[in-house]
Amino acid sequence: MKRSLFLVGLLAVFLAACNSGNGAESQPISVEKEFEDYRKNVLEPLDERSFEFAEMFNHSASIIDQPEESHRYMEEEVIPFMEETRKIATDAHDGLVNEEIQKLNETTIEYLNLTLDSLHKSAELSAIDVDTVTEETYQKAVKLNEENMELQEKIERTGVEMDRQIDTLVNEQ
């Protein structure tokens, strides 16, 4: 009898210890704390990468008169860099708990997806040989350019929305 009482008591202590650990971990994180973590782990790295992206984009513009090199650079350097950049936001998404931060991250991912779509269009455009333009390649270039212009407008709107969400979160702190 003493032994079974001892085991029941030991089990109760063990369960209490397990529950106290889980309770502390399952406490919801405040929006302010999560936003601060998000800013440090997502927004700041994205901001740092935006400077490198700007340099890459400028380099790409400087070699536009070399279609093969420009296309290679876009495909092998710029697009993979932007895919790595997007991965920062996509990797963070599952760990977010507050709706406001999740929505901001979704907007950030949308912004990066649109940017990647635009880069792919730009890479396709750079692959068109301007020395041997046919009516078909000309029409393709016009279509790609129009699609890219639409993407640029969406990127602009999404960037404005992302800034609005960030401003809202900053003002709530």
N, C-alpha and C. Protein backbone atom coordinates (compact mmCIF):
# COMPACT_ATOMS: atom_id res chain seq x y z
N MET A 1 0.82 -1.18 0.00
CA MET A 1 0.00 0.00 0.00
C MET A 1 0.87 1.26 0.00
N LYS A 2 1.91 1.27 0.85
CA LYS A 2 2.80 2.42 0.90
C LYS A 2 3.50 2.61 -0.44
N ARG A 3 3.87 1.48 -1.03
CA ARG A 3 4.58 1.56 -2.31
C ARG A 3 3.69 2.16 -3.40
N SER A 4 2.43 1.75 -3.50
CA SER A 4 1.52 2.29 -4.52
C SER A 4 1.21 3.75 -4.23
N LEU A 5 1.10 4.13 -2.95
CA LEU A 5 0.89 5.53 -2.59
C LEU A 5 2.10 6.37 -2.99
N PHE A 6 3.28 5.80 -2.76
CA PHE A 6 4.51 6.48 -3.16
C PHE A 6 4.55 6.69 -4.68
N LEU A 7 4.18 5.65 -5.46
CA LEU A 7 4.17 5.77 -6.92
C LEU A 7 3.14 6.78 -7.40
N VAL A 8 1.97 6.80 -6.76
CA VAL A 8 0.95 7.79 -7.12
C VAL A 8 1.48 9.19 -6.82
N GLY A 9 2.10 9.36 -5.67
CA GLY A 9 2.67 10.66 -5.32
C GLY A 9 3.77 11.06 -6.28
N LEU A 10 4.63 10.13 -6.65
CA LEU A 10 5.71 10.40 -7.60
C LEU A 10 5.14 10.78 -8.97
N LEU A 11 4.10 10.07 -9.37
CA LEU A 11 3.44 10.37 -10.64
C LEU A 11 2.83 11.77 -10.61
N ALA A 12 2.21 12.13 -9.50
CA ALA A 12 1.61 13.46 -9.36
C ALA A 12 2.67 14.55 -9.44
N VAL A 13 3.80 14.33 -8.76
CA VAL A 13 4.89 15.31 -8.81
C VAL A 13 5.42 15.43 -10.25
N PHE A 14 5.58 14.29 -10.91
CA PHE A 14 6.09 14.28 -12.28
C PHE A 14 5.13 15.03 -13.21
N LEU A 15 3.83 14.74 -13.10
CA LEU A 15 2.84 15.43 -13.95
C LEU A 15 2.80 16.92 -13.65
N ALA A 16 2.91 17.28 -12.40
CA ALA A 16 2.92 18.70 -12.04
C ALA A 16 4.14 19.41 -12.65
N ALA A 17 5.26 18.73 -12.59
CA ALA A 17 6.48 19.32 -13.17
C ALA A 17 6.34 19.47 -14.68
N CYS A 18 5.76 18.47 -15.32
CA CYS A 18 5.56 18.55 -16.78
C CYS A 18 4.60 19.68 -17.13
N ASN A 19 3.51 19.77 -16.39
CA ASN A 19 2.52 20.81 -16.68
C ASN A 19 3.06 22.20 -16.41
N SER A 20 3.86 22.37 -15.39
CA SER A 20 4.38 23.71 -15.10
C SER A 20 5.33 24.15 -16.20
N GLY A 21 6.09 23.23 -16.76
CA GLY A 21 6.98 23.57 -17.88
C GLY A 21 6.19 23.91 -19.11
N ASN A 22 5.18 23.15 -19.42
CA ASN A 22 4.37 23.41 -20.61
C ASN A 22 3.58 24.69 -20.46
N GLY A 23 3.12 24.98 -19.27
CA GLY A 23 2.34 26.19 -19.06
C GLY A 23 3.15 27.43 -19.35
N ALA A 24 4.39 27.43 -18.94
CA ALA A 24 5.24 28.59 -19.18
C ALA A 24 5.52 28.74 -20.67
N GLU A 25 5.70 27.61 -21.35
CA GLU A 25 6.02 27.69 -22.77
C GLU A 25 4.80 28.01 -23.62
N SER A 26 3.61 27.65 -23.16
CA SER A 26 2.43 27.87 -23.98
C SER A 26 1.81 29.23 -23.72
N GLN A 27 2.39 30.02 -22.84
CA GLN A 27 1.89 31.37 -22.62
C GLN A 27 2.00 32.12 -23.94
N PRO A 28 0.94 32.82 -24.33
CA PRO A 28 1.03 33.55 -25.60
C PRO A 28 2.06 34.68 -25.51
N ILE A 29 2.79 34.83 -26.57
CA ILE A 29 3.78 35.90 -26.64
C ILE A 29 3.04 37.19 -27.01
N SER A 30 3.42 38.28 -26.41
CA SER A 30 2.74 39.55 -26.70
C SER A 30 3.07 39.99 -28.12
N VAL A 31 2.17 40.77 -28.70
CA VAL A 31 2.40 41.30 -30.04
C VAL A 31 3.68 42.12 -30.06
N GLU A 32 3.88 42.90 -29.01
CA GLU A 32 5.06 43.77 -28.95
C GLU A 32 6.35 42.94 -28.95
N LYS A 33 6.38 41.89 -28.14
CA LYS A 33 7.57 41.04 -28.06
C LYS A 33 7.78 40.29 -29.37
N GLU A 34 6.70 39.75 -29.93
CA GLU A 34 6.84 39.01 -31.18
C GLU A 34 7.27 39.95 -32.32
N PHE A 35 6.73 41.17 -32.32
CA PHE A 35 7.12 42.12 -33.36
C PHE A 35 8.60 42.48 -33.22
N GLU A 36 9.06 42.64 -32.00
CA GLU A 36 10.47 42.94 -31.78
C GLU A 36 11.35 41.80 -32.28
N ASP A 37 10.94 40.57 -31.98
CA ASP A 37 11.68 39.40 -32.48
C ASP A 37 11.61 39.33 -34.00
N TYR A 38 10.43 39.62 -34.55
CA TYR A 38 10.24 39.58 -36.01
C TYR A 38 11.11 40.65 -36.68
N ARG A 39 11.13 41.80 -36.07
CA ARG A 39 11.95 42.88 -36.62
C ARG A 39 13.42 42.46 -36.65
N LYS A 40 13.88 41.87 -35.53
CA LYS A 40 15.29 41.48 -35.41
C LYS A 40 15.63 40.32 -36.35
N ASN A 41 14.76 39.32 -36.44
CA ASN A 41 15.07 38.09 -37.17
C ASN A 41 14.63 38.07 -38.62
N VAL A 42 13.70 38.96 -39.00
CA VAL A 42 13.20 38.95 -40.37
C VAL A 42 13.41 40.31 -41.04
N LEU A 43 12.83 41.36 -40.47
CA LEU A 43 12.87 42.66 -41.14
C LEU A 43 14.29 43.20 -41.28
N GLU A 44 15.08 43.12 -40.22
CA GLU A 44 16.45 43.64 -40.31
C GLU A 44 17.30 42.86 -41.31
N PRO A 45 17.26 41.52 -41.30
CA PRO A 45 18.01 40.79 -42.34
C PRO A 45 17.51 41.12 -43.76
N LEU A 46 16.20 41.28 -43.92
CA LEU A 46 15.68 41.64 -45.25
C LEU A 46 16.17 43.02 -45.65
N ASP A 47 16.18 43.93 -44.70
CA ASP A 47 16.66 45.28 -44.97
C ASP A 47 18.13 45.27 -45.37
N GLU A 48 18.94 44.51 -44.64
CA GLU A 48 20.36 44.39 -44.98
C GLU A 48 20.54 43.80 -46.39
N ARG A 49 19.74 42.80 -46.70
CA ARG A 49 19.84 42.17 -48.02
C ARG A 49 19.35 43.10 -49.13
N SER A 50 18.47 44.04 -48.79
CA SER A 50 17.98 44.96 -49.82
C SER A 50 19.10 45.83 -50.37
N PHE A 51 20.09 46.15 -49.54
CA PHE A 51 21.23 46.93 -50.02
C PHE A 51 22.05 46.10 -51.02
N GLU A 52 22.27 44.85 -50.68
CA GLU A 52 23.01 43.96 -51.58
C GLU A 52 22.23 43.74 -52.87
N PHE A 53 20.90 43.61 -52.74
CA PHE A 53 20.06 43.45 -53.92
C PHE A 53 20.15 44.68 -54.81
N ALA A 54 20.16 45.86 -54.22
CA ALA A 54 20.27 47.10 -55.00
C ALA A 54 21.58 47.13 -55.78
N GLU A 55 22.65 46.68 -55.13
CA GLU A 55 23.94 46.61 -55.84
C GLU A 55 23.87 45.61 -56.99
N MET A 56 23.24 44.48 -56.75
CA MET A 56 23.12 43.47 -57.80
C MET A 56 22.28 44.02 -58.96
N PHE A 57 21.20 44.71 -58.61
CA PHE A 57 20.32 45.26 -59.63
C PHE A 57 21.06 46.32 -60.46
N ASN A 58 21.85 47.15 -59.80
CA ASN A 58 22.65 48.16 -60.50
C ASN A 58 23.66 47.49 -61.43
N HIS A 59 24.29 46.42 -60.94
CA HIS A 59 25.23 45.69 -61.80
C HIS A 59 24.51 45.10 -63.01
N SER A 60 23.35 44.56 -62.77
CA SER A 60 22.55 44.00 -63.86
C SER A 60 22.24 45.07 -64.92
N ALA A 61 21.88 46.26 -64.44
CA ALA A 61 21.59 47.36 -65.36
C ALA A 61 22.84 47.77 -66.14
N SER A 62 24.00 47.67 -65.50
CA SER A 62 25.24 48.08 -66.16
C SER A 62 25.67 47.12 -67.27
N ILE A 63 25.15 45.90 -67.25
CA ILE A 63 25.53 44.92 -68.28
C ILE A 63 24.37 44.59 -69.21
N ILE A 64 23.37 45.45 -69.24
CA ILE A 64 22.18 45.21 -70.05
C ILE A 64 22.52 45.12 -71.54
N ASP A 65 23.61 45.78 -71.95
CA ASP A 65 24.01 45.74 -73.35
C ASP A 65 24.74 44.44 -73.71
N GLN A 66 24.88 43.55 -72.72
CA GLN A 66 25.48 42.22 -72.94
C GLN A 66 24.41 41.17 -72.59
N PRO A 67 23.48 40.92 -73.51
CA PRO A 67 22.31 40.08 -73.19
C PRO A 67 22.64 38.72 -72.57
N GLU A 68 23.63 38.04 -73.09
CA GLU A 68 23.96 36.72 -72.54
C GLU A 68 24.46 36.83 -71.10
N GLU A 69 25.36 37.77 -70.86
CA GLU A 69 25.90 37.97 -69.52
C GLU A 69 24.80 38.46 -68.57
N SER A 70 23.97 39.36 -69.05
CA SER A 70 22.87 39.89 -68.24
C SER A 70 21.91 38.77 -67.84
N HIS A 71 21.56 37.93 -68.80
CA HIS A 71 20.66 36.82 -68.53
C HIS A 71 21.29 35.83 -67.54
N ARG A 72 22.54 35.49 -67.76
CA ARG A 72 23.25 34.58 -66.86
C ARG A 72 23.28 35.14 -65.45
N TYR A 73 23.59 36.41 -65.34
CA TYR A 73 23.68 37.06 -64.03
C TYR A 73 22.33 37.02 -63.31
N MET A 74 21.27 37.32 -64.03
CA MET A 74 19.93 37.29 -63.43
C MET A 74 19.60 35.87 -62.95
N GLU A 75 19.83 34.90 -63.81
CA GLU A 75 19.47 33.51 -63.50
C GLU A 75 20.34 32.88 -62.41
N GLU A 76 21.63 33.19 -62.42
CA GLU A 76 22.56 32.52 -61.51
C GLU A 76 22.88 33.30 -60.24
N GLU A 77 22.66 34.58 -60.25
CA GLU A 77 23.02 35.40 -59.09
C GLU A 77 21.80 36.08 -58.45
N VAL A 78 21.11 36.88 -59.23
CA VAL A 78 20.05 37.73 -58.67
C VAL A 78 18.85 36.91 -58.19
N ILE A 79 18.34 36.04 -59.05
CA ILE A 79 17.15 35.25 -58.68
C ILE A 79 17.44 34.33 -57.50
N PRO A 80 18.54 33.57 -57.50
CA PRO A 80 18.82 32.75 -56.30
C PRO A 80 18.98 33.58 -55.03
N PHE A 81 19.58 34.75 -55.14
CA PHE A 81 19.71 35.64 -53.99
C PHE A 81 18.33 36.02 -53.45
N MET A 82 17.42 36.36 -54.35
CA MET A 82 16.08 36.75 -53.92
C MET A 82 15.31 35.55 -53.36
N GLU A 83 15.56 34.36 -53.89
CA GLU A 83 14.92 33.16 -53.34
C GLU A 83 15.40 32.91 -51.91
N GLU A 84 16.69 33.11 -51.66
CA GLU A 84 17.22 33.00 -50.29
C GLU A 84 16.61 34.06 -49.38
N THR A 85 16.42 35.23 -49.92
CA THR A 85 15.82 36.32 -49.17
C THR A 85 14.39 35.96 -48.78
N ARG A 86 13.63 35.45 -49.73
CA ARG A 86 12.25 35.04 -49.45
C ARG A 86 12.21 33.95 -48.38
N LYS A 87 13.20 33.06 -48.39
CA LYS A 87 13.25 31.95 -47.43
C LYS A 87 13.30 32.47 -45.99
N ILE A 88 13.89 33.61 -45.77
CA ILE A 88 13.94 34.19 -44.42
C ILE A 88 12.52 34.39 -43.90
N ALA A 89 11.66 34.96 -44.74
CA ALA A 89 10.27 35.22 -44.32
C ALA A 89 9.45 33.94 -44.28
N THR A 90 9.62 33.05 -45.25
CA THR A 90 8.82 31.82 -45.26
C THR A 90 9.19 30.91 -44.10
N ASP A 91 10.47 30.85 -43.75
CA ASP A 91 10.90 30.03 -42.62
C ASP A 91 10.34 30.55 -41.30
N ALA A 92 10.16 31.83 -41.20
CA ALA A 92 9.67 32.43 -39.95
C ALA A 92 8.16 32.22 -39.77
N HIS A 93 7.46 31.98 -40.85
CA HIS A 93 5.99 32.02 -40.80
C HIS A 93 5.36 31.04 -39.82
N ASP A 94 5.78 29.80 -39.82
CA ASP A 94 5.14 28.80 -38.96
C ASP A 94 5.32 29.07 -37.47
N GLY A 95 6.34 29.82 -37.11
CA GLY A 95 6.59 30.10 -35.70
C GLY A 95 5.86 31.32 -35.17
N LEU A 96 5.14 32.03 -36.04
CA LEU A 96 4.45 33.25 -35.61
C LEU A 96 3.11 32.91 -34.98
N VAL A 97 2.77 33.60 -33.90
CA VAL A 97 1.53 33.27 -33.19
C VAL A 97 0.49 34.40 -33.22
N ASN A 98 0.91 35.63 -33.30
CA ASN A 98 -0.03 36.75 -33.29
C ASN A 98 -0.49 37.08 -34.71
N GLU A 99 -1.79 37.27 -34.83
CA GLU A 99 -2.40 37.51 -36.15
C GLU A 99 -1.77 38.71 -36.87
N GLU A 100 -1.49 39.77 -36.13
CA GLU A 100 -0.93 40.97 -36.76
C GLU A 100 0.44 40.69 -37.38
N ILE A 101 1.24 39.90 -36.69
CA ILE A 101 2.58 39.58 -37.20
C ILE A 101 2.46 38.58 -38.35
N GLN A 102 1.54 37.65 -38.24
CA GLN A 102 1.32 36.69 -39.33
C GLN A 102 0.90 37.42 -40.60
N LYS A 103 -0.01 38.39 -40.46
CA LYS A 103 -0.46 39.16 -41.64
C LYS A 103 0.68 39.96 -42.24
N LEU A 104 1.50 40.57 -41.39
CA LEU A 104 2.66 41.31 -41.88
C LEU A 104 3.60 40.37 -42.64
N ASN A 105 3.82 39.20 -42.08
CA ASN A 105 4.71 38.25 -42.74
C ASN A 105 4.12 37.76 -44.07
N GLU A 106 2.81 37.56 -44.11
CA GLU A 106 2.16 37.17 -45.37
C GLU A 106 2.34 38.26 -46.42
N THR A 107 2.20 39.51 -46.00
CA THR A 107 2.40 40.64 -46.93
C THR A 107 3.86 40.68 -47.38
N THR A 108 4.78 40.43 -46.46
CA THR A 108 6.20 40.41 -46.80
C THR A 108 6.50 39.31 -47.80
N ILE A 109 5.94 38.13 -47.58
CA ILE A 109 6.14 37.01 -48.51
C ILE A 109 5.54 37.34 -49.88
N GLU A 110 4.35 37.95 -49.88
CA GLU A 110 3.73 38.36 -51.15
C GLU A 110 4.63 39.34 -51.89
N TYR A 111 5.18 40.30 -51.17
CA TYR A 111 6.09 41.30 -51.75
C TYR A 111 7.30 40.60 -52.39
N LEU A 112 7.87 39.66 -51.67
CA LEU A 112 9.05 38.94 -52.18
C LEU A 112 8.68 38.03 -53.34
N ASN A 113 7.51 37.41 -53.31
CA ASN A 113 7.06 36.58 -54.43
C ASN A 113 6.86 37.42 -55.69
N LEU A 114 6.23 38.58 -55.53
CA LEU A 114 6.04 39.48 -56.67
C LEU A 114 7.38 39.95 -57.23
N THR A 115 8.31 40.25 -56.35
CA THR A 115 9.64 40.67 -56.79
C THR A 115 10.32 39.54 -57.57
N LEU A 116 10.19 38.32 -57.07
CA LEU A 116 10.76 37.18 -57.80
C LEU A 116 10.10 37.00 -59.16
N ASP A 117 8.79 37.15 -59.22
CA ASP A 117 8.08 37.05 -60.51
C ASP A 117 8.61 38.11 -61.48
N SER A 118 8.82 39.31 -60.97
CA SER A 118 9.34 40.38 -61.80
C SER A 118 10.75 40.08 -62.29
N LEU A 119 11.57 39.52 -61.42
CA LEU A 119 12.94 39.16 -61.81
C LEU A 119 12.93 38.07 -62.88
N HIS A 120 12.02 37.13 -62.77
CA HIS A 120 11.92 36.09 -63.80
C HIS A 120 11.52 36.71 -65.15
N LYS A 121 10.59 37.66 -65.12
CA LYS A 121 10.19 38.36 -66.36
C LYS A 121 11.39 39.12 -66.93
N SER A 122 12.12 39.78 -66.06
CA SER A 122 13.30 40.53 -66.51
C SER A 122 14.34 39.60 -67.11
N ALA A 123 14.51 38.43 -66.51
CA ALA A 123 15.46 37.45 -67.05
C ALA A 123 15.01 36.98 -68.42
N GLU A 124 13.70 36.74 -68.57
CA GLU A 124 13.18 36.34 -69.89
C GLU A 124 13.42 37.43 -70.92
N LEU A 125 13.19 38.67 -70.51
CA LEU A 125 13.43 39.80 -71.42
C LEU A 125 14.90 39.88 -71.82
N SER A 126 15.77 39.66 -70.85
CA SER A 126 17.20 39.77 -71.15
C SER A 126 17.67 38.64 -72.07
N ALA A 127 16.90 37.57 -72.16
CA ALA A 127 17.28 36.44 -73.02
C ALA A 127 16.91 36.67 -74.48
N ILE A 128 16.10 37.68 -74.73
CA ILE A 128 15.70 37.97 -76.11
C ILE A 128 16.86 38.64 -76.83
N ASP A 129 17.25 38.06 -77.93
CA ASP A 129 18.36 38.58 -78.73
C ASP A 129 17.85 39.76 -79.55
N VAL A 130 18.26 40.97 -79.18
CA VAL A 130 17.77 42.17 -79.85
C VAL A 130 18.32 42.32 -81.27
N ASP A 131 19.38 41.60 -81.58
CA ASP A 131 19.96 41.70 -82.92
C ASP A 131 19.13 40.95 -83.97
N THR A 132 18.39 39.96 -83.53
CA THR A 132 17.59 39.16 -84.47
C THR A 132 16.11 39.17 -84.08
N VAL A 133 15.59 40.35 -83.83
CA VAL A 133 14.20 40.47 -83.40
C VAL A 133 13.27 40.16 -84.57
N THR A 134 12.35 39.25 -84.28
CA THR A 134 11.29 38.94 -85.24
C THR A 134 10.00 39.53 -84.69
N GLU A 135 8.97 39.48 -85.47
CA GLU A 135 7.67 39.97 -84.99
C GLU A 135 7.24 39.18 -83.75
N GLU A 136 7.50 37.89 -83.78
CA GLU A 136 7.12 37.03 -82.66
C GLU A 136 7.90 37.40 -81.38
N THR A 137 9.22 37.56 -81.51
CA THR A 137 10.01 37.91 -80.32
C THR A 137 9.69 39.33 -79.84
N TYR A 138 9.37 40.20 -80.81
CA TYR A 138 8.99 41.57 -80.43
C TYR A 138 7.69 41.54 -79.61
N GLN A 139 6.71 40.79 -80.09
CA GLN A 139 5.44 40.69 -79.37
C GLN A 139 5.64 40.05 -77.98
N LYS A 140 6.52 39.06 -77.93
CA LYS A 140 6.82 38.42 -76.64
C LYS A 140 7.44 39.45 -75.69
N ALA A 141 8.36 40.25 -76.19
CA ALA A 141 9.02 41.27 -75.37
C ALA A 141 8.01 42.31 -74.88
N VAL A 142 7.11 42.72 -75.77
CA VAL A 142 6.09 43.70 -75.38
C VAL A 142 5.21 43.12 -74.28
N LYS A 143 4.80 41.87 -74.44
CA LYS A 143 3.94 41.21 -73.45
C LYS A 143 4.67 41.08 -72.11
N LEU A 144 5.93 40.62 -72.15
CA LEU A 144 6.71 40.48 -70.92
C LEU A 144 6.87 41.83 -70.22
N ASN A 145 7.11 42.86 -71.01
CA ASN A 145 7.28 44.20 -70.44
C ASN A 145 5.99 44.68 -69.79
N GLU A 146 4.85 44.45 -70.46
CA GLU A 146 3.56 44.85 -69.88
C GLU A 146 3.30 44.09 -68.58
N GLU A 147 3.55 42.79 -68.59
CA GLU A 147 3.37 41.98 -67.39
C GLU A 147 4.28 42.47 -66.26
N ASN A 148 5.50 42.82 -66.62
CA ASN A 148 6.44 43.31 -65.62
C ASN A 148 5.99 44.65 -65.05
N MET A 149 5.44 45.50 -65.89
CA MET A 149 4.93 46.80 -65.41
C MET A 149 3.78 46.58 -64.43
N GLU A 150 2.90 45.62 -64.72
CA GLU A 150 1.80 45.30 -63.81
C GLU A 150 2.36 44.77 -62.49
N LEU A 151 3.38 43.92 -62.58
CA LEU A 151 4.02 43.40 -61.36
C LEU A 151 4.63 44.53 -60.54
N GLN A 152 5.25 45.49 -61.22
CA GLN A 152 5.86 46.62 -60.51
C GLN A 152 4.80 47.42 -59.75
N GLU A 153 3.62 47.58 -60.35
CA GLU A 153 2.53 48.28 -59.66
C GLU A 153 2.08 47.49 -58.44
N LYS A 154 1.96 46.17 -58.59
CA LYS A 154 1.57 45.32 -57.46
C LYS A 154 2.64 45.35 -56.37
N ILE A 155 3.90 45.34 -56.77
CA ILE A 155 5.00 45.41 -55.81
C ILE A 155 4.91 46.72 -55.03
N GLU A 156 4.65 47.80 -55.72
CA GLU A 156 4.53 49.11 -55.08
C GLU A 156 3.38 49.12 -54.07
N ARG A 157 2.20 48.62 -54.49
CA ARG A 157 1.04 48.58 -53.59
C ARG A 157 1.31 47.68 -52.38
N THR A 158 1.94 46.54 -52.61
CA THR A 158 2.23 45.61 -51.53
C THR A 158 3.27 46.21 -50.57
N GLY A 159 4.25 46.91 -51.11
CA GLY A 159 5.24 47.59 -50.27
C GLY A 159 4.60 48.66 -49.40
N VAL A 160 3.65 49.40 -49.97
CA VAL A 160 2.94 50.43 -49.20
C VAL A 160 2.14 49.76 -48.08
N GLU A 161 1.48 48.64 -48.39
CA GLU A 161 0.72 47.92 -47.37
C GLU A 161 1.64 47.37 -46.28
N MET A 162 2.78 46.85 -46.66
CA MET A 162 3.74 46.33 -45.70
C MET A 162 4.21 47.46 -44.78
N ASP A 163 4.53 48.62 -45.34
CA ASP A 163 4.94 49.78 -44.55
C ASP A 163 3.83 50.21 -43.60
N ARG A 164 2.56 50.19 -44.08
CA ARG A 164 1.43 50.56 -43.24
C ARG A 164 1.31 49.61 -42.05
N GLN A 165 1.45 48.31 -42.31
CA GLN A 165 1.37 47.33 -41.23
C GLN A 165 2.50 47.52 -40.22
N ILE A 166 3.68 47.78 -40.70
CA ILE A 166 4.82 48.01 -39.80
C ILE A 166 4.58 49.26 -38.97
N ASP A 167 4.12 50.35 -39.62
CA ASP A 167 3.85 51.59 -38.89
C ASP A 167 2.80 51.38 -37.81
N THR A 168 1.76 50.61 -38.12
CA THR A 168 0.72 50.32 -37.14
C THR A 168 1.31 49.58 -35.93
N LEU A 169 2.13 48.59 -36.21
CA LEU A 169 2.75 47.82 -35.11
C LEU A 169 3.72 48.68 -34.30
N VAL A 170 4.47 49.54 -34.96
CA VAL A 170 5.40 50.42 -34.26
C VAL A 170 4.63 51.40 -33.37
N ASN A 171 3.54 51.93 -33.89
CA ASN A 171 2.75 52.91 -33.12
C ASN A 171 2.01 52.28 -31.95
N GLU A 172 1.77 50.98 -32.00
CA GLU A 172 1.10 50.29 -30.89
C GLU A 172 2.04 50.04 -29.73
N GLN A 173 3.34 50.15 -29.96
CA GLN A 173 4.30 49.85 -28.89
C GLN A 173 4.50 51.02 -27.97
